[in-house]
Amino acid sequence: PEMMRKIGEKVISVRLQRPTLNDVFLKLTGKAIREEEASPEEGVKEYVRAYRRRTEK
């Protein structure tokens, strides 16, 4: 209530939620987990790396 009085505007609603992993990472590092989307080539490379990890066992 005190915080809402300090705002000086009519508050319609307030919502609290747990921070996401990206929220925490952004707070700690100042960067998003993925600053930019990977290029299609990078996506293929990651797919191949993941496939190799699965099949090497």
Protein backbone atom coordinates (compact mmCIF):
# COMPACT_ATOMS: atom_id res chain seq x y z
CA PRO A 1 0.00 0.00 0.00
CA GLU A 2 2.77 2.50 0.83
CA MET A 3 4.54 1.85 -2.46
CA MET A 4 1.29 2.42 -4.34
CA ARG A 5 0.79 5.76 -2.60
CA LYS A 6 4.31 6.81 -3.62
CA ILE A 7 3.58 6.02 -7.27
CA GLY A 8 0.93 8.71 -7.27
CA GLU A 9 -1.20 7.03 -9.93
CA LYS A 10 -4.17 4.74 -9.65
CA VAL A 11 -2.90 1.14 -9.62
CA ILE A 12 -5.27 -1.21 -11.39
CA SER A 13 -3.45 -4.48 -10.71
CA VAL A 14 -0.18 -5.96 -9.49
CA ARG A 15 1.28 -9.28 -10.58
CA LEU A 16 4.19 -11.19 -9.09
CA GLN A 17 5.87 -14.11 -10.80
CA ARG A 18 8.98 -16.20 -10.37
CA PRO A 19 11.88 -15.09 -12.54
CA THR A 20 12.67 -17.23 -15.56
CA LEU A 21 16.11 -18.68 -16.21
CA ASN A 22 16.60 -15.99 -18.84
CA ASP A 23 15.65 -13.28 -16.30
CA VAL A 24 18.28 -14.54 -13.85
CA PHE A 25 20.95 -14.94 -16.54
CA LEU A 26 20.24 -11.42 -17.82
CA LYS A 27 20.47 -9.98 -14.29
CA LEU A 28 23.79 -11.73 -13.58
CA THR A 29 25.52 -11.26 -16.94
CA GLY A 30 23.78 -8.31 -18.57
CA LYS A 31 23.16 -10.47 -21.66
CA ALA A 32 20.28 -12.60 -22.85
CA ILE A 33 21.00 -16.33 -22.96
CA ARG A 34 20.92 -16.08 -26.75
CA GLU A 35 21.68 -12.54 -27.87
CA GLU A 36 20.88 -13.40 -31.46
CA GLU A 37 19.27 -16.25 -33.26
CA ALA A 38 21.69 -18.76 -34.71
CA SER A 39 22.11 -18.85 -38.46
CA PRO A 40 20.72 -21.89 -40.29
CA GLU A 41 24.28 -23.18 -40.67
CA GLU A 42 24.84 -23.00 -36.92
CA GLY A 43 21.58 -24.88 -36.37
CA VAL A 44 22.76 -27.68 -38.65
CA LYS A 45 26.15 -27.81 -36.93
CA GLU A 46 24.50 -28.08 -33.51
CA TYR A 47 22.19 -30.83 -34.77
CA VAL A 48 25.17 -32.81 -36.10
CA ARG A 49 27.10 -32.36 -32.82
CA ALA A 50 24.08 -33.55 -30.81
CA TYR A 51 23.62 -36.53 -33.15
CA ARG A 52 27.27 -37.51 -32.78
CA ARG A 53 27.06 -37.30 -28.98
CA ARG A 54 24.04 -39.61 -28.98
CA THR A 55 25.55 -42.17 -31.35
CA GLU A 56 29.06 -42.30 -29.83
CA LYS A 57 27.87 -44.15 -26.73
